C-alpha atoms as a PDB file:
ATOM      1  CA  MET A   1     -29.939  -1.383 -13.050  1.00  0.00           C
ATOM      2  CA  VAL A   2     -31.575   1.770 -12.219  1.00  0.00           C
ATOM      3  CA  GLY A   3     -35.064   0.352 -12.721  1.00  0.00           C
ATOM      4  CA  HIS A   4     -34.014  -2.879 -10.276  1.00  0.00           C
ATOM      5  CA  VAL A   5     -32.922  -0.905  -7.473  1.00  0.00           C
ATOM      6  CA  ARG A   6     -36.092   1.685  -8.003  1.00  0.00           C
ATOM      7  CA  GLY A   7     -38.048  -2.019  -7.950  1.00  0.00           C
ATOM      8  CA  LEU A   8     -36.492  -3.229  -4.893  1.00  0.00           C
ATOM      9  CA  PHE A   9     -37.220   0.218  -2.928  1.00  0.00           C
ATOM     10  CA  ALA A  10     -40.726   0.140  -3.989  1.00  0.00           C
ATOM     11  CA  GLY A  11     -41.293  -3.262  -3.157  1.00  0.00           C
ATOM     12  CA  ARG A  12     -41.303  -4.856  -6.321  1.00  0.00           C
ATOM     13  CA  VAL A  13     -38.844  -7.851  -6.166  1.00  0.00           C
ATOM     14  CA  HIS A  14     -38.695 -10.668  -9.063  1.00  0.00           C
ATOM     15  CA  ALA A  15     -36.464 -13.683  -9.041  1.00  0.00           C
ATOM     16  CA  SER A  16     -34.158 -14.210 -12.101  1.00  0.00           C
ATOM     17  CA  LEU A  17     -32.597 -17.095 -13.314  1.00  0.00           C
ATOM     18  CA  GLY A  18     -29.441 -15.874 -12.964  1.00  0.00           C
ATOM     19  CA  HIS A  19     -27.718 -13.252 -10.996  1.00  0.00           C
ATOM     20  CA  ASN A  20     -30.050  -9.728 -10.752  1.00  0.00           C
ATOM     21  CA  PRO A  21     -27.987  -6.398 -12.264  1.00  0.00           C
ATOM     22  CA  LEU A  22     -26.719  -5.748  -7.997  1.00  0.00           C
ATOM     23  CA  GLY A  23     -25.555  -9.296  -8.236  1.00  0.00           C
ATOM     24  CA  GLY A  24     -23.633  -9.004 -11.333  1.00  0.00           C
ATOM     25  CA  ILE A  25     -22.370  -5.844 -10.290  1.00  0.00           C
ATOM     26  CA  ALA A  26     -21.216  -7.298  -7.094  1.00  0.00           C
ATOM     27  CA  VAL A  27     -19.322 -10.326  -8.833  1.00  0.00           C
ATOM     28  CA  ILE A  28     -17.625  -7.741 -10.970  1.00  0.00           C
ATOM     29  CA  VAL A  29     -16.373  -5.731  -7.661  1.00  0.00           C
ATOM     30  CA  LEU A  30     -15.508  -8.747  -5.664  1.00  0.00           C
ATOM     31  CA  LEU A  31     -13.348  -9.992  -8.502  1.00  0.00           C
ATOM     32  CA  THR A  32     -11.515  -6.919  -9.165  1.00  0.00           C
ATOM     33  CA  LEU A  33     -10.835  -6.510  -5.222  1.00  0.00           C
ATOM     34  CA  VAL A  34      -9.366 -10.230  -5.276  1.00  0.00           C
ATOM     35  CA  ALA A  35      -7.312  -9.241  -8.001  1.00  0.00           C
ATOM     36  CA  ALA A  36      -6.359  -6.178  -6.325  1.00  0.00           C
ATOM     37  CA  THR A  37      -5.554  -7.594  -3.093  1.00  0.00           C
ATOM     38  CA  THR A  38      -3.515 -10.122  -4.821  1.00  0.00           C
ATOM     39  CA  TYR A  39      -1.478  -7.817  -6.921  1.00  0.00           C
ATOM     40  CA  THR A  40      -0.983  -5.311  -3.735  1.00  0.00           C
ATOM     41  CA  GLY A  41      -0.102  -8.356  -2.072  1.00  0.00           C
ATOM     42  CA  ILE A  42       2.621  -9.265  -4.377  1.00  0.00           C
ATOM     43  CA  VAL A  43       4.065  -5.635  -5.022  1.00  0.00           C
ATOM     44  CA  GLY A  44       4.506  -4.840  -1.120  1.00  0.00           C
ATOM     45  CA  GLY A  45       1.901  -2.439  -1.149  1.00  0.00           C
ATOM     46  CA  GLU A  46       1.180  -2.530   2.461  1.00  0.00           C
ATOM     47  CA  GLY A  47      -1.313   0.074   3.397  1.00  0.00           C
ATOM     48  CA  GLY A  48      -2.939  -0.102   0.557  1.00  0.00           C
ATOM     49  CA  HIS A  49      -3.214  -3.827   0.577  1.00  0.00           C
ATOM     50  CA  GLU A  50      -4.759  -4.068   3.898  1.00  0.00           C
ATOM     51  CA  ASP A  51      -7.431  -1.178   3.231  1.00  0.00           C
ATOM     52  CA  ILE A  52      -8.319  -3.147   0.055  1.00  0.00           C
ATOM     53  CA  ALA A  53      -8.187  -6.744   1.377  1.00  0.00           C
ATOM     54  CA  ASN A  54     -10.496  -4.814   4.526  1.00  0.00           C
ATOM     55  CA  ILE A  55     -12.714  -3.735   1.749  1.00  0.00           C
ATOM     56  CA  LEU A  56     -13.009  -7.408   0.317  1.00  0.00           C
ATOM     57  CA  LEU A  57     -13.875  -8.623   3.645  1.00  0.00           C
ATOM     58  CA  ALA A  58     -16.774  -5.617   3.772  1.00  0.00           C
ATOM     59  CA  MET A  59     -18.131  -6.692  -0.024  1.00  0.00           C
ATOM     60  CA  ILE A  60     -18.215 -10.046   1.006  1.00  0.00           C
ATOM     61  CA  ALA A  61     -20.288  -9.752   3.947  1.00  0.00           C
ATOM     62  CA  LEU A  62     -22.488  -7.658   2.168  1.00  0.00           C
ATOM     63  CA  HIS A  63     -23.059  -9.860  -0.818  1.00  0.00           C
ATOM     64  CA  VAL A  64     -23.785 -12.867   1.513  1.00  0.00           C
ATOM     65  CA  VAL A  65     -26.194 -10.642   3.290  1.00  0.00           C
ATOM     66  CA  ALA A  66     -27.758  -9.578   0.110  1.00  0.00           C
ATOM     67  CA  VAL A  67     -28.452 -13.132  -0.789  1.00  0.00           C
ATOM     68  CA  VAL A  68     -30.009 -13.935   1.975  1.00  0.00           C
ATOM     69  CA  VAL A  69     -32.097 -11.254   1.854  1.00  0.00           C
ATOM     70  CA  MET A  70     -32.966 -11.495  -1.805  1.00  0.00           C
ATOM     71  CA  SER A  71     -33.568 -14.941  -0.797  1.00  0.00           C
ATOM     72  CA  PHE A  72     -36.472 -14.422   1.690  1.00  0.00           C
ATOM     73  CA  LEU A  73     -38.077 -11.486  -0.650  1.00  0.00           C
ATOM     74  CA  THR A  74     -37.768 -13.899  -3.857  1.00  0.00           C
ATOM     75  CA  ARG A  75     -38.885 -17.047  -1.891  1.00  0.00           C
ATOM     76  CA  ASP A  76     -35.649 -18.510  -3.948  1.00  0.00           C
ATOM     77  CA  ASN A  77     -32.739 -20.459  -2.357  1.00  0.00           C
ATOM     78  CA  LEU A  78     -29.933 -18.917  -3.925  1.00  0.00           C
ATOM     79  CA  ILE A  79     -27.413 -19.918  -1.053  1.00  0.00           C
ATOM     80  CA  GLY A  80     -27.958 -23.364  -2.045  1.00  0.00           C
ATOM     81  CA  ALA A  81     -27.695 -21.881  -5.875  1.00  0.00           C
ATOM     82  CA  MET A  82     -24.274 -20.882  -4.961  1.00  0.00           C
ATOM     83  CA  ILE A  83     -23.345 -23.818  -3.292  1.00  0.00           C
ATOM     84  CA  THR A  84     -24.327 -26.423  -5.727  1.00  0.00           C
ATOM     85  CA  GLY A  85     -24.506 -24.153  -8.927  1.00  0.00           C
ATOM     86  CA  ARG A  86     -28.206 -25.187  -9.669  1.00  0.00           C
ATOM     87  CA  LYS A  87     -31.110 -23.491  -9.515  1.00  0.00           C
ATOM     88  CA  LYS A  88     -34.849 -24.608  -9.240  1.00  0.00           C
ATOM     89  CA  THR A  89     -36.839 -23.208 -12.675  1.00  0.00           C
ATOM     90  CA  THR A  90     -40.194 -23.006 -10.724  1.00  0.00           C
ATOM     91  CA  HIS A  91     -40.301 -19.346 -11.470  1.00  0.00           C
ATOM     92  CA  PHE A  92     -38.975 -19.730 -15.229  1.00  0.00           C
ATOM     93  CA  PRO A  93     -40.878 -23.375 -16.604  1.00  0.00           C
ATOM     94  CA  ASP A  94     -39.316 -22.449 -20.133  1.00  0.00           C
ATOM     95  CA  ALA A  95     -35.711 -22.311 -19.039  1.00  0.00           C
ATOM     96  CA  GLN A  96     -33.517 -24.704 -20.057  1.00  0.00           C
ATOM     97  CA  ASP A  97     -30.981 -26.381 -17.955  1.00  0.00           C
ATOM     98  CA  ALA A  98     -27.191 -24.936 -18.497  1.00  0.00           C
ATOM     99  CA  ALA A  99     -24.678 -27.165 -20.240  1.00  0.00           C
ATOM    100  CA  PRO A 100     -22.440 -29.198 -18.104  1.00  0.00           C
ATOM    101  CA  PRO A 101     -19.011 -27.689 -17.120  1.00  0.00           C
ATOM    102  CA  ALA A 102     -16.119 -28.602 -20.415  1.00  0.00           C
ATOM    103  CA  ARG A 103     -14.392 -31.897 -19.506  1.00  0.00           C
ATOM    104  CA  LEU A 104     -11.351 -29.364 -19.105  1.00  0.00           C
ATOM    105  CA  ALA A 105     -12.726 -27.497 -16.593  1.00  0.00           C
ATOM    106  CA  VAL A 106     -10.969 -29.224 -13.363  1.00  0.00           C
ATOM    107  CA  PRO A 107      -7.946 -29.813 -15.390  1.00  0.00           C
ATOM    108  CA  LEU A 108      -7.636 -26.332 -15.926  1.00  0.00           C
ATOM    109  CA  ALA A 109      -8.735 -24.775 -12.813  1.00  0.00           C
ATOM    110  CA  VAL A 110      -5.896 -27.280 -11.505  1.00  0.00           C
ATOM    111  CA  LEU A 111      -3.147 -25.791 -13.911  1.00  0.00           C
ATOM    112  CA  VAL A 112      -4.143 -22.258 -13.290  1.00  0.00           C
ATOM    113  CA  VAL A 113      -3.520 -22.876  -9.237  1.00  0.00           C
ATOM    114  CA  ALA A 114      -0.393 -24.630  -9.977  1.00  0.00           C
ATOM    115  CA  GLY A 115       0.592 -21.729 -11.791  1.00  0.00           C
ATOM    116  CA  SER A 116      -0.092 -19.448  -9.480  1.00  0.00           C
ATOM    117  CA  ALA A 117       1.449 -21.251  -7.049  1.00  0.00           C
ATOM    118  CA  TYR A 118       4.538 -21.373  -9.324  1.00  0.00           C
ATOM    119  CA  ALA A 119       4.405 -17.632 -10.046  1.00  0.00           C
ATOM    120  CA  ALA A 120       4.184 -17.095  -5.843  1.00  0.00           C
ATOM    121  CA  THR A 121       7.401 -18.828  -5.435  1.00  0.00           C
ATOM    122  CA  ARG A 122       9.366 -17.014  -8.352  1.00  0.00           C
ATOM    123  CA  ILE A 123       8.105 -13.405  -6.692  1.00  0.00           C
ATOM    124  CA  ASP A 124       8.939 -14.986  -3.291  1.00  0.00           C
ATOM    125  CA  PRO A 125      10.754 -18.504  -2.784  1.00  0.00           C
ATOM    126  CA  GLN A 126       9.480 -18.160   1.003  1.00  0.00           C
ATOM    127  CA  ALA A 127       6.034 -17.960   0.147  1.00  0.00           C
ATOM    128  CA  PHE A 128       4.696 -20.908   1.199  1.00  0.00           C
ATOM    129  CA  VAL A 129       7.597 -21.431   4.182  1.00  0.00           C
ATOM    130  CA  PRO A 130       5.577 -21.468   7.239  1.00  0.00           C
ATOM    131  CA  GLY A 131       6.644 -18.673   9.672  1.00  0.00           C
ATOM    132  CA  ALA A 132       9.749 -17.524   6.949  1.00  0.00           C
ATOM    133  CA  GLN A 133       7.899 -13.708   7.307  1.00  0.00           C
ATOM    134  CA  ALA A 134       8.483 -13.741  10.917  1.00  0.00           C
ATOM    135  CA  GLU A 135      11.986 -15.160  10.522  1.00  0.00           C
ATOM    136  CA  ALA A 136      12.684 -12.079   7.692  1.00  0.00           C
ATOM    137  CA  GLY A 137      11.408  -9.540   9.955  1.00  0.00           C
ATOM    138  CA  GLU A 138       8.386  -8.970   8.477  1.00  0.00           C
ATOM    139  CA  GLY A 139       5.744  -8.685  11.709  1.00  0.00           C
ATOM    140  CA  GLY A 140       2.073  -7.792  12.270  1.00  0.00           C
ATOM    141  CA  GLU A 141       0.309  -5.163  13.998  1.00  0.00           C
ATOM    142  CA  ASN A 142       2.972  -2.899  16.044  1.00  0.00           C
ATOM    143  CA  GLY A 143       5.976  -4.264  14.679  1.00  0.00           C
ATOM    144  CA  GLU A 144       5.673  -7.618  16.084  1.00  0.00           C
ATOM    145  CA  SER A 145       7.821 -10.328  14.261  1.00  0.00           C
ATOM    146  CA  GLY A 146       5.967 -13.203  15.095  1.00  0.00           C
ATOM    147  CA  GLU A 147       5.252 -15.207  18.463  1.00  0.00           C
ATOM    148  CA  GLY A 148       8.319 -16.057  19.624  1.00  0.00           C
ATOM    149  CA  GLY A 149      10.385 -13.458  21.106  1.00  0.00           C
ATOM    150  CA  GLU A 150      14.117 -12.398  20.030  1.00  0.00           C
ATOM    151  CA  GLY A 151      15.883 -15.291  18.493  1.00  0.00           C
ATOM    152  CA  GLY A 152      12.495 -16.979  17.498  1.00  0.00           C
ATOM    153  CA  GLU A 153      12.662 -18.604  21.080  1.00  0.00           C
ATOM    154  CA  ALA A 154       9.390 -18.228  23.079  1.00  0.00           C
ATOM    155  CA  ASP A 155       9.360 -16.608  26.635  1.00  0.00           C
ATOM    156  CA  GLU A 156       8.093 -18.826  29.345  1.00  0.00           C
ATOM    157  CA  ASP A 157       5.822 -16.884  31.530  1.00  0.00           C
END
């Protein structure tokens, strides 16, 4: 890891077939921040939730910028690889293609999303009802409770 960072500052950039050391750490940090944002959203830690969500957004921006920079430095289409999951092996002639995803990957992903949605509605039955938070008095910044005024009626100006 330290050698990778020193190499970057010394101008020695090498393409890698998978994530480079910093990219691997970034993925772990991003997943941890997503989990922390979800957890604080569920348990209601508003101040901490907003702070963690903002750190997550900053890390996403940093990750995308780093991917673009590394794409230019290594002359490797990392953005395309992020989107398609495929990467040219020009720099790695002995590399073999990865095994395709298991047939259960998509059904398992659907099951996880459905289970998560179910869990969210068990914790908060109004979780997916549009405007439910505004009606319950949960407002945005400055204590506002949605776009309408008192009683849920919109002001006519």
